[in-house]
């Protein structure tokens, strides 16, 4: 494979246009992009962690909340697709927001994406450690082995080994990533479908814990008792869909970069929502939403619902579920590196970060430096937080809901504003460049503000507080403030990007063609 052509820095400074970054072009096909997108979402891990708290908030309306949470994701996905078709660039949210609103908002959109994904990397590594020891415990019948995950030095050491392995694979070419993900994602999906079908069969045959007959009312969002409960459920629902946008960050490496990433994003989201609805229905039918031993409303099982239900549902094959969740977190750990590494690469390439971030491996054509930096920061964060407090780590993960709404929302509004001159060129444009992304952005903005207000209460999260203000609020605002500070430091260090010299706000005249296809 020969190195892709890269535009000289001087050319970029002169035109302010998009340019290649040296990544391996044409190495990811449609199927590969879909598989990596599903892997990044980590359905086995995210659903087992979210279904219990969602049941506590909305009862049997879990399918309704999944569908309602799916709506802004789909609407935003349409906006992402339109932006990608016009500007296929590895920087995605960073690049698109900079082209629509200017460098300052673009920088913050990139910051939101990077911070969210780095936080998730540390969490995924920690989950992989827990399920590794849990799986070994199940296979050996020795319950003491599972407790080893609670030993700090063992936990951190194994976590760093997981991170090292994921970094090694991510540093290599995208073909290696695709081959690994084909195996891991296929296994994960087969186990989840097998579990869901088995749970439904057990429930219908009368062997369920709290058999609840199927009802279409479960899909009715208006049956949720209060708006607060709906918002709480939606925050969790958005979290379980997060990660599909990784398909767009690979756009410079896909075949047909103007179309493949957008199609992959749409198929990924549709696949995931179908899987979640199947699992939700199966769990409600089998276990109900009460607070009994296996009820989804039981707080004691909500951290890992799959583990507690797998034995009663699958019997001796229960270990497959633990293996699936381990596979889910480990595969997502590796695929999640794709997003922040390529965003950091683009920010370095256009001068929004130091030029060292623009380094591409001459052998593998991947963002080597950015990948290593992402791994080091995520590893250090996990190690420090694990030593300080497990609750602190959980609070930082709760902050993700705000960060997801933050940068997804900016990207949705960027689509609306960027295509403002073509809104009414066609009926298609009116929907896909105006109505859909606008509605998605408004929904995410409302959720962001609502969550921000609610998180001021110390009861939101672990109960920790700073001066009477909830730690989740402090972390959320703190992350944004740190981003602003770093942005100004980069401005004083290298102002060319912020003056529009390396990435201009408006598209060049040659790119101003009608968006309708």
Protein backbone atom coordinates (compact mmCIF):
# COMPACT_ATOMS: atom_id res chain seq x y z
CA UNK A 1 0.00 0.00 0.00
CA UNK A 2 1.38 3.38 -0.91
CA UNK A 3 0.97 6.41 1.29
CA UNK A 4 -2.03 8.57 0.36
CA UNK A 5 -1.26 12.00 -0.99
CA UNK A 6 -1.28 14.78 1.59
CA UNK A 7 -1.77 18.44 0.79
CA UNK A 8 1.19 20.63 1.81
CA UNK A 9 0.66 22.83 4.86
CA UNK A 10 1.22 25.93 2.76
CA UNK A 11 -1.62 24.96 0.42
CA UNK A 12 -3.98 24.49 3.35
CA UNK A 13 -3.02 27.85 4.82
CA UNK A 14 -3.67 29.53 1.50
CA UNK A 15 -7.06 27.98 0.73
CA UNK A 16 -8.43 27.14 4.17
CA UNK A 17 -10.01 24.08 2.57
CA UNK A 18 -10.20 20.41 3.49
CA UNK A 19 -7.22 18.20 2.78
CA UNK A 20 -6.10 14.60 3.18
CA UNK A 21 -4.15 13.57 6.25
CA UNK A 22 -2.24 10.52 5.08
CA UNK A 23 -4.69 7.87 6.32
CA UNK A 24 -5.11 4.61 4.41
CA UNK A 25 -7.75 5.42 1.81
CA UNK A 26 -10.25 2.76 0.68
CA UNK A 27 -9.44 0.29 3.47
CA UNK A 28 -12.90 0.13 5.10
CA UNK A 29 -16.00 -1.13 3.27
CA UNK A 30 -19.67 -0.74 4.18
CA UNK A 31 -19.84 -3.98 6.20
CA UNK A 32 -16.62 -3.18 8.02
CA UNK A 33 -17.87 0.29 8.96
CA UNK A 34 -21.17 -1.14 10.26
CA UNK A 35 -19.39 -3.79 12.35
CA UNK A 36 -17.02 -1.22 13.87
CA UNK A 37 -20.00 1.06 14.60
CA UNK A 38 -21.87 -1.72 16.43
CA UNK A 39 -18.70 -2.63 18.31
CA UNK A 40 -18.19 0.94 19.49
CA UNK A 41 -21.74 1.09 20.87
CA UNK A 42 -21.02 -2.13 22.82
CA UNK A 43 -24.66 -3.32 23.03
CA UNK A 44 -24.07 -6.14 25.52
CA UNK A 45 -22.26 -3.91 27.99
CA UNK A 46 -24.38 -0.76 27.62
CA UNK A 47 -27.71 -2.57 27.78
CA UNK A 48 -26.92 -4.65 30.85
CA UNK A 49 -25.82 -1.47 32.64
CA UNK A 50 -28.75 0.70 31.52
CA UNK A 51 -31.84 -1.53 31.46
CA UNK A 52 -32.16 -1.75 35.25
CA UNK A 53 -31.97 2.00 36.00
CA UNK A 54 -34.31 2.61 33.05
CA UNK A 55 -36.84 0.15 34.50
CA UNK A 56 -36.66 1.95 37.85
CA UNK A 57 -37.39 5.26 36.12
CA UNK A 58 -40.13 4.27 33.66
CA UNK A 59 -41.29 0.75 34.62
CA UNK A 60 -42.45 -1.39 31.72
CA UNK A 61 -42.20 1.57 29.33
CA UNK A 62 -38.57 0.62 28.54
CA UNK A 63 -39.33 -0.05 24.83
CA UNK A 64 -41.07 3.33 24.58
CA UNK A 65 -38.07 5.14 26.04
CA UNK A 66 -35.73 3.25 23.70
CA UNK A 67 -37.80 4.38 20.73
CA UNK A 68 -38.03 7.99 21.92
CA UNK A 69 -34.28 8.05 22.65
CA UNK A 70 -33.69 6.59 19.22
CA UNK A 71 -35.51 9.48 17.52
CA UNK A 72 -32.91 12.24 18.21
CA UNK A 73 -30.12 9.79 17.36
CA UNK A 74 -31.71 9.04 13.99
CA UNK A 75 -32.44 12.71 13.28
CA UNK A 76 -28.87 13.66 14.13
CA UNK A 77 -27.59 10.74 12.03
CA UNK A 78 -29.35 12.25 9.01
CA UNK A 79 -27.54 15.54 9.66
CA UNK A 80 -24.21 13.72 10.00
CA UNK A 81 -24.87 11.98 6.70
CA UNK A 82 -25.52 15.24 4.87
CA UNK A 83 -22.41 16.89 6.29
CA UNK A 84 -20.29 13.86 5.44
CA UNK A 85 -21.57 13.76 1.86
CA UNK A 86 -20.41 17.37 1.39
CA UNK A 87 -17.29 17.31 3.59
CA UNK A 88 -15.86 13.81 4.16
CA UNK A 89 -13.20 14.60 6.76
CA UNK A 90 -11.81 12.58 9.68
CA UNK A 91 -12.43 15.54 12.02
CA UNK A 92 -16.25 15.12 11.71
CA UNK A 93 -17.87 17.25 14.45
CA UNK A 94 -14.76 19.42 14.84
CA UNK A 95 -14.37 20.06 11.12
CA UNK A 96 -18.05 20.49 10.33
CA UNK A 97 -18.77 22.86 13.22
CA UNK A 98 -15.70 24.91 12.28
CA UNK A 99 -16.91 25.19 8.66
CA UNK A 100 -20.43 26.16 9.79
CA UNK A 101 -19.85 28.36 12.86
CA UNK A 102 -16.15 29.19 12.84
CA UNK A 103 -13.03 27.87 14.60
CA UNK A 104 -14.03 28.55 18.21
CA UNK A 105 -17.23 26.49 18.22
CA UNK A 106 -15.53 23.88 16.03
CA UNK A 107 -12.75 23.52 18.58
CA UNK A 108 -15.22 22.98 21.42
CA UNK A 109 -17.17 20.40 19.41
CA UNK A 110 -13.93 18.47 18.88
CA UNK A 111 -13.10 18.80 22.56
CA UNK A 112 -16.49 17.39 23.56
CA UNK A 113 -16.02 14.37 21.30
CA UNK A 114 -12.49 13.65 22.50
CA UNK A 115 -13.29 14.00 26.21
CA UNK A 116 -16.39 11.80 25.97
CA UNK A 117 -14.57 9.02 24.16
CA UNK A 118 -11.49 9.13 26.41
CA UNK A 119 -13.72 8.82 29.48
CA UNK A 120 -15.51 5.87 27.88
CA UNK A 121 -12.19 4.21 27.07
CA UNK A 122 -11.25 4.14 30.74
CA UNK A 123 -14.67 2.83 31.74
CA UNK A 124 -14.68 0.09 29.10
CA UNK A 125 -11.27 -1.12 30.25
CA UNK A 126 -12.54 -1.30 33.83
CA UNK A 127 -15.64 -3.25 32.79
CA UNK A 128 -13.50 -5.68 30.79
CA UNK A 129 -11.44 -6.38 33.92
CA UNK A 130 -14.53 -7.05 36.05
CA UNK A 131 -16.03 -9.45 33.54
CA UNK A 132 -12.76 -11.25 32.92
CA UNK A 133 -12.54 -12.29 36.56
CA UNK A 134 -16.29 -12.95 36.69
CA UNK A 135 -16.04 -15.27 33.69
CA UNK A 136 -13.09 -17.15 35.18
CA UNK A 137 -15.05 -17.48 38.41
CA UNK A 138 -18.03 -18.97 36.56
CA UNK A 139 -15.92 -21.42 34.57
CA UNK A 140 -13.97 -22.63 37.61
CA UNK A 141 -16.81 -22.51 40.13
CA UNK A 142 -14.58 -20.48 42.47
CA UNK A 143 -16.43 -17.38 43.67
CA UNK A 144 -13.27 -15.95 45.27
CA UNK A 145 -11.74 -15.30 41.84
CA UNK A 146 -14.44 -12.72 41.01
CA UNK A 147 -13.44 -10.79 44.13
CA UNK A 148 -9.91 -10.28 42.76
CA UNK A 149 -11.28 -7.54 40.51
CA UNK A 150 -11.83 -5.52 43.68
CA UNK A 151 -8.12 -5.53 44.52
CA UNK A 152 -6.91 -2.14 43.31
CA UNK A 153 -3.42 -3.13 42.14
CA UNK A 154 -4.72 -6.22 40.31
CA UNK A 155 -7.58 -4.26 38.77
CA UNK A 156 -5.39 -1.41 37.54
CA UNK A 157 -2.66 -3.76 36.29
CA UNK A 158 -5.03 -5.91 34.23
CA UNK A 159 -6.84 -2.79 33.01
CA UNK A 160 -3.57 -1.39 31.67
CA UNK A 161 -2.91 -4.69 29.87
CA UNK A 162 -6.33 -4.45 28.18
CA UNK A 163 -5.55 -0.86 27.21
CA UNK A 164 -2.14 -1.87 25.85
CA UNK A 165 -3.67 -4.61 23.69
CA UNK A 166 -6.36 -2.30 22.33
CA UNK A 167 -3.76 0.36 21.56
CA UNK A 168 -1.60 -2.16 19.70
CA UNK A 169 -4.49 -3.22 17.45
CA UNK A 170 -5.69 0.36 16.90
CA UNK A 171 -2.19 1.50 15.96
CA UNK A 172 -2.02 -1.10 13.22
CA UNK A 173 -3.85 -0.83 9.90
CA UNK A 174 -7.66 -0.78 9.67
CA UNK A 175 -7.72 -4.27 8.11
CA UNK A 176 -6.50 -5.67 11.44
CA UNK A 177 -9.24 -3.81 13.30
CA UNK A 178 -11.91 -5.06 10.90
CA UNK A 179 -10.83 -8.71 11.08
CA UNK A 180 -10.87 -8.63 14.88
CA UNK A 181 -14.25 -6.89 15.05
CA UNK A 182 -15.93 -9.30 12.62
CA UNK A 183 -15.30 -12.14 15.09
CA UNK A 184 -16.06 -10.26 18.33
CA UNK A 185 -19.20 -8.48 17.13
CA UNK A 186 -20.67 -11.57 15.46
CA UNK A 187 -20.24 -13.60 18.65
CA UNK A 188 -21.73 -10.81 20.77
CA UNK A 189 -24.84 -10.42 18.61
CA UNK A 190 -25.46 -14.18 18.38
CA UNK A 191 -25.33 -14.56 22.17
CA UNK A 192 -27.66 -11.61 22.76
CA UNK A 193 -30.26 -12.89 20.29
CA UNK A 194 -29.93 -16.40 21.76
CA UNK A 195 -30.49 -15.01 25.27
CA UNK A 196 -33.53 -12.96 24.18
CA UNK A 197 -35.20 -15.88 22.39
CA UNK A 198 -34.51 -18.22 25.32
CA UNK A 199 -35.97 -15.72 27.80
CA UNK A 200 -39.16 -15.32 25.76
CA UNK A 201 -39.56 -19.09 25.42
CA UNK A 202 -39.01 -19.58 29.16
CA UNK A 203 -41.49 -16.83 29.99
CA UNK A 204 -44.24 -18.09 27.69
CA UNK A 205 -43.79 -21.67 28.90
CA UNK A 206 -44.41 -20.57 32.49
CA UNK A 207 -40.83 -20.81 33.75
CA UNK A 208 -40.17 -17.07 33.95
CA UNK A 209 -39.47 -15.31 37.24
CA UNK A 210 -42.38 -12.86 36.94
CA UNK A 211 -44.07 -13.60 33.62
CA UNK A 212 -45.57 -10.45 32.12
CA UNK A 213 -47.65 -10.93 28.96
CA UNK A 214 -46.52 -8.89 25.99
CA UNK A 215 -48.34 -5.56 25.59
CA UNK A 216 -48.20 -2.85 22.95
CA UNK A 217 -48.65 -0.38 25.82
CA UNK A 218 -44.95 -0.87 26.59
CA UNK A 219 -44.23 1.15 23.45
CA UNK A 220 -46.37 4.14 24.52
CA UNK A 221 -44.18 7.02 25.84
CA UNK A 222 -47.27 8.88 27.09
CA UNK A 223 -47.80 6.14 29.67
CA UNK A 224 -44.65 7.23 31.55
CA UNK A 225 -45.76 8.68 34.89
CA UNK A 226 -43.90 12.01 34.79
CA UNK A 227 -41.78 14.19 32.53
CA UNK A 228 -38.88 13.89 34.97
CA UNK A 229 -39.00 10.10 34.70
CA UNK A 230 -39.11 10.36 30.90
CA UNK A 231 -36.05 12.66 30.86
CA UNK A 232 -34.16 10.30 33.17
CA UNK A 233 -35.00 7.40 30.91
CA UNK A 234 -34.06 9.37 27.80
CA UNK A 235 -30.64 10.22 29.24
CA UNK A 236 -29.96 6.52 29.69
CA UNK A 237 -31.43 5.74 26.28
CA UNK A 238 -29.14 8.21 24.53
CA UNK A 239 -26.16 6.68 26.34
CA UNK A 240 -26.93 3.20 25.01
CA UNK A 241 -26.99 4.52 21.43
CA UNK A 242 -23.82 6.57 21.71
CA UNK A 243 -20.88 5.54 19.53
CA UNK A 244 -22.48 5.12 16.09
CA UNK A 245 -20.72 8.27 14.84
CA UNK A 246 -17.42 6.36 14.76
CA UNK A 247 -18.51 5.25 11.28
CA UNK A 248 -18.12 8.87 10.15
CA UNK A 249 -14.66 9.41 11.65
CA UNK A 250 -13.37 6.71 9.27
CA UNK A 251 -14.70 8.55 6.20
CA UNK A 252 -11.25 9.24 4.73
CA UNK A 253 -10.49 5.50 4.96
CA UNK A 254 -13.73 4.11 3.51
CA UNK A 255 -14.59 3.11 -0.01
CA UNK A 256 -16.83 5.83 -1.50
CA UNK A 257 -16.26 8.26 1.41
CA UNK A 258 -19.18 10.50 0.44
CA UNK A 259 -21.79 7.74 0.84
CA UNK A 260 -20.45 4.71 2.73
CA UNK A 261 -20.04 6.34 6.18
CA UNK A 262 -23.55 7.82 6.16
CA UNK A 263 -25.12 4.55 5.08
CA UNK A 264 -23.11 2.68 7.71
CA UNK A 265 -24.30 5.07 10.43
CA UNK A 266 -27.95 4.62 9.47
CA UNK A 267 -27.73 0.81 9.30
CA UNK A 268 -25.84 0.71 12.61
CA UNK A 269 -28.46 2.74 14.47
CA UNK A 270 -31.35 0.71 12.99
CA UNK A 271 -29.64 -2.59 13.90
CA UNK A 272 -29.00 -1.49 17.46
CA UNK A 273 -32.54 -0.21 18.11
CA UNK A 274 -33.99 -3.50 16.82
CA UNK A 275 -31.69 -5.50 19.10
CA UNK A 276 -32.48 -3.35 22.14
CA UNK A 277 -36.24 -3.64 21.62
CA UNK A 278 -35.96 -7.43 21.36
CA UNK A 279 -33.90 -7.62 24.56
CA UNK A 280 -36.20 -5.23 26.44
CA UNK A 281 -39.32 -7.19 25.54
CA UNK A 282 -37.64 -10.47 26.46
CA UNK A 283 -36.50 -9.21 29.87
CA UNK A 284 -39.85 -7.66 30.77
CA UNK A 285 -41.70 -10.82 29.78
CA UNK A 286 -39.33 -13.04 31.79
CA UNK A 287 -38.50 -10.98 34.90
CA UNK A 288 -41.04 -8.15 35.07
CA UNK A 289 -40.15 -4.68 36.37
CA UNK A 290 -40.75 -5.29 40.06
CA UNK A 291 -38.24 -5.22 42.90
CA UNK A 292 -38.16 -8.97 43.50
CA UNK A 293 -34.98 -11.03 43.35
CA UNK A 294 -34.77 -11.01 39.54
CA UNK A 295 -37.11 -8.08 38.81
CA UNK A 296 -35.62 -5.35 36.65
CA UNK A 297 -36.53 -2.83 39.33
CA UNK A 298 -34.33 -4.55 41.93
CA UNK A 299 -31.48 -2.17 42.68
CA UNK A 300 -29.17 -5.00 43.72
CA UNK A 301 -29.02 -6.48 40.21
CA UNK A 302 -29.08 -3.28 38.16
CA UNK A 303 -25.33 -2.95 37.70
CA UNK A 304 -25.32 -6.18 35.66
CA UNK A 305 -28.77 -7.47 34.79
CA UNK A 306 -27.47 -9.97 32.22
CA UNK A 307 -25.33 -11.74 34.80
CA UNK A 308 -28.20 -12.20 37.25
CA UNK A 309 -30.65 -13.40 34.59
CA UNK A 310 -28.26 -15.53 32.56
CA UNK A 311 -28.22 -18.47 35.00
CA UNK A 312 -32.00 -18.83 35.33
CA UNK A 313 -32.50 -18.32 31.57
CA UNK A 314 -29.59 -20.28 30.06
CA UNK A 315 -28.59 -22.68 32.83
CA UNK A 316 -25.14 -24.19 32.19
CA UNK A 317 -24.65 -21.90 29.18
CA UNK A 318 -24.85 -18.79 31.38
CA UNK A 319 -21.11 -18.21 30.98
CA UNK A 320 -21.80 -17.27 27.34
CA UNK A 321 -23.49 -14.07 28.50
CA UNK A 322 -20.53 -13.06 30.67
CA UNK A 323 -18.24 -13.87 27.76
CA UNK A 324 -20.43 -11.73 25.48
CA UNK A 325 -20.27 -8.74 27.84
CA UNK A 326 -16.50 -9.21 28.19
CA UNK A 327 -16.27 -9.41 24.39
CA UNK A 328 -18.49 -6.34 24.08
CA UNK A 329 -16.40 -4.16 26.38
CA UNK A 330 -13.07 -5.41 25.01
CA UNK A 331 -14.06 -4.97 21.37
CA UNK A 332 -15.57 -1.56 22.07
CA UNK A 333 -12.40 -0.56 23.90
CA UNK A 334 -10.45 -1.19 20.72
CA UNK A 335 -12.92 0.33 18.24
CA UNK A 336 -13.58 3.40 20.41
CA UNK A 337 -9.96 4.45 19.83
CA UNK A 338 -10.93 5.20 16.22
CA UNK A 339 -12.98 8.31 17.06
CA UNK A 340 -10.75 10.39 19.37
CA UNK A 341 -7.57 9.44 17.51
CA UNK A 342 -8.90 10.72 14.19
CA UNK A 343 -10.43 13.83 15.72
CA UNK A 344 -7.11 14.68 17.40
CA UNK A 345 -5.36 13.95 14.11
CA UNK A 346 -7.61 16.39 12.26
CA UNK A 347 -7.22 19.05 14.96
CA UNK A 348 -3.45 18.74 14.70
CA UNK A 349 -3.59 18.68 10.91
CA UNK A 350 -5.48 21.98 10.74
CA UNK A 351 -3.48 23.64 13.53
CA UNK A 352 -6.12 23.51 16.26
CA UNK A 353 -3.67 21.42 18.32
CA UNK A 354 0.14 21.11 18.17
CA UNK A 355 1.38 19.70 14.87
CA UNK A 356 2.63 16.48 16.54
CA UNK A 357 -0.98 15.28 16.72
CA UNK A 358 -1.03 15.21 12.91
CA UNK A 359 1.56 12.42 12.80
CA UNK A 360 0.46 9.38 10.77
CA UNK A 361 2.29 6.07 10.99
CA UNK A 362 4.29 5.69 7.75
CA UNK A 363 3.86 1.92 7.94
CA UNK A 364 0.18 1.52 8.90
CA UNK A 365 -1.25 4.90 7.76
CA UNK A 366 -3.07 5.33 11.10
CA UNK A 367 -2.98 8.31 13.53
CA UNK A 368 -0.18 6.80 15.63
CA UNK A 369 0.63 9.68 17.96
CA UNK A 370 -3.02 10.56 18.63
CA UNK A 371 -3.83 6.90 19.34
CA UNK A 372 -1.02 6.60 21.88
CA UNK A 373 -1.94 9.88 23.58
CA UNK A 374 -5.59 8.78 23.87
CA UNK A 375 -4.46 5.52 25.50
CA UNK A 376 -2.06 7.22 27.93
CA UNK A 377 -4.64 9.78 29.06
CA UNK A 378 -7.42 7.18 29.45
CA UNK A 379 -5.10 4.81 31.34
CA UNK A 380 -3.86 7.52 33.68
CA UNK A 381 -7.40 8.73 34.32
CA UNK A 382 -8.62 5.22 35.17
CA UNK A 383 -5.67 4.46 37.44
CA UNK A 384 -6.03 7.71 39.40
CA UNK A 385 -9.81 7.49 39.71
CA UNK A 386 -9.67 3.83 40.75
CA UNK A 387 -7.25 4.68 43.56
CA UNK A 388 -9.15 7.79 44.67
CA UNK A 389 -12.72 6.48 44.56
CA UNK A 390 -14.84 4.14 42.50
CA UNK A 391 -17.75 6.53 42.99
CA UNK A 392 -15.73 9.32 41.44
CA UNK A 393 -15.26 7.18 38.34
CA UNK A 394 -19.01 6.51 38.20
CA UNK A 395 -19.75 10.22 38.53
CA UNK A 396 -17.47 11.00 35.60
CA UNK A 397 -19.32 8.43 33.50
CA UNK A 398 -22.64 10.08 34.38
CA UNK A 399 -21.16 13.29 32.98
CA UNK A 400 -21.02 11.60 29.59
CA UNK A 401 -24.73 12.19 29.03
CA UNK A 402 -24.11 15.92 29.01
CA UNK A 403 -21.04 15.68 26.80
CA UNK A 404 -22.86 13.49 24.26
CA UNK A 405 -25.73 15.96 24.02
CA UNK A 406 -23.18 18.80 23.84
CA UNK A 407 -21.22 17.75 20.78
CA UNK A 408 -24.02 15.87 19.02
CA UNK A 409 -26.20 18.96 19.40
CA UNK A 410 -23.53 21.29 18.01
CA UNK A 411 -23.10 18.99 15.00
CA UNK A 412 -26.85 18.86 14.34
CA UNK A 413 -27.11 22.66 14.38
CA UNK A 414 -23.98 22.87 12.21
CA UNK A 415 -25.80 20.87 9.54
CA UNK A 416 -28.79 23.22 9.66
CA UNK A 417 -26.66 26.36 9.38
CA UNK A 418 -24.16 25.08 6.83
CA UNK A 419 -26.89 24.18 4.33
CA UNK A 420 -29.00 27.28 5.00
CA UNK A 421 -28.76 28.46 1.38
CA UNK A 422 -30.10 25.12 0.11
CA UNK A 423 -32.94 24.38 2.57
CA UNK A 424 -35.66 24.82 0.00
CA UNK A 425 -33.88 23.68 -3.15
CA UNK A 426 -35.86 20.46 -2.90
CA UNK A 427 -38.29 18.63 -0.61
CA UNK A 428 -35.46 16.29 0.34
CA UNK A 429 -33.28 19.18 1.45
CA UNK A 430 -36.09 20.66 3.52
CA UNK A 431 -36.28 17.45 5.56
CA UNK A 432 -32.66 16.26 5.70
CA UNK A 433 -30.78 19.56 6.01
CA UNK A 434 -33.33 21.57 7.99
CA UNK A 435 -36.20 19.79 9.74
CA UNK A 436 -34.59 16.52 10.88
CA UNK A 437 -31.26 17.85 12.24
CA UNK A 438 -33.01 20.91 13.74
CA UNK A 439 -35.44 18.75 15.72
CA UNK A 440 -32.63 16.41 16.79
CA UNK A 441 -30.51 19.34 17.94
CA UNK A 442 -33.37 20.93 19.88
CA UNK A 443 -34.13 17.65 21.69
CA UNK A 444 -30.47 17.20 22.64
CA UNK A 445 -30.21 20.83 23.77
CA UNK A 446 -33.23 20.40 26.05
CA UNK A 447 -31.75 17.21 27.51
CA UNK A 448 -28.39 18.93 28.01
CA UNK A 449 -29.91 21.85 29.93
CA UNK A 450 -32.25 19.61 31.94
CA UNK A 451 -29.44 17.28 32.94
CA UNK A 452 -27.21 20.22 33.81
CA UNK A 453 -29.87 21.61 36.16
CA UNK A 454 -30.69 18.24 37.74
CA UNK A 455 -27.01 17.42 38.30
CA UNK A 456 -26.61 20.45 40.58
CA UNK A 457 -28.35 18.34 43.23
CA UNK A 458 -25.76 16.20 45.08
CA UNK A 459 -28.24 13.32 45.00
CA UNK A 460 -27.63 13.08 41.25
CA UNK A 461 -24.86 10.50 41.14
CA UNK A 462 -22.87 9.21 44.10
CA UNK A 463 -23.98 11.98 46.47
CA UNK A 464 -20.59 13.72 46.44
CA UNK A 465 -20.63 17.50 46.36
CA UNK A 466 -18.44 20.58 46.15
CA UNK A 467 -19.74 23.53 48.15
CA UNK A 468 -23.24 22.04 48.15
CA UNK A 469 -23.25 21.49 44.36
CA UNK A 470 -23.41 17.98 42.90
CA UNK A 471 -20.10 16.56 41.68
CA UNK A 472 -21.60 15.58 38.30
CA UNK A 473 -22.44 19.23 37.61
CA UNK A 474 -18.97 20.31 38.71
CA UNK A 475 -17.34 17.74 36.44
CA UNK A 476 -19.50 18.68 33.46
CA UNK A 477 -18.85 22.40 33.78
CA UNK A 478 -15.22 21.73 34.68
CA UNK A 479 -14.64 19.78 31.45
CA UNK A 480 -16.08 22.61 29.37
CA UNK A 481 -14.01 25.23 31.23
CA UNK A 482 -10.81 23.21 30.79
CA UNK A 483 -11.61 22.99 27.08
CA UNK A 484 -12.01 26.76 26.86
CA UNK A 485 -8.69 27.31 28.66
CA UNK A 486 -6.81 24.90 26.37
CA UNK A 487 -8.44 26.52 23.34
CA UNK A 488 -7.15 29.97 24.32
CA UNK A 489 -3.69 28.56 25.07
CA UNK A 490 -3.56 27.11 21.56
CA UNK A 491 -4.80 30.41 20.14
CA UNK A 492 -1.91 32.33 21.71
CA UNK A 493 0.54 29.59 20.71
CA UNK A 494 -0.57 29.15 17.07
CA UNK A 495 -3.39 31.50 16.01
CA UNK A 496 -3.56 30.54 12.31
CA UNK A 497 -6.45 28.09 12.78
CA UNK A 498 -8.48 30.57 14.81
CA UNK A 499 -8.02 33.19 12.09
CA UNK A 500 -9.46 30.83 9.48
CA UNK A 501 -6.15 30.43 7.65
CA UNK A 502 -5.99 26.62 7.83
CA UNK A 503 -9.72 25.80 7.89
CA UNK A 504 -12.02 28.53 6.65
CA UNK A 505 -15.53 29.08 7.95
CA UNK A 506 -17.24 29.06 4.56
CA UNK A 507 -16.78 26.42 1.89
CA UNK A 508 -14.83 27.46 -1.23
CA UNK A 509 -16.95 28.34 -4.23
CA UNK A 510 -16.01 25.06 -5.91
CA UNK A 511 -17.77 23.17 -3.15
CA UNK A 512 -20.96 25.20 -3.18
CA UNK A 513 -22.99 22.81 -5.22
CA UNK A 514 -26.51 21.83 -4.48
CA UNK A 515 -26.85 19.24 -1.73
CA UNK A 516 -29.71 17.44 -3.44
CA UNK A 517 -28.72 14.17 -5.12
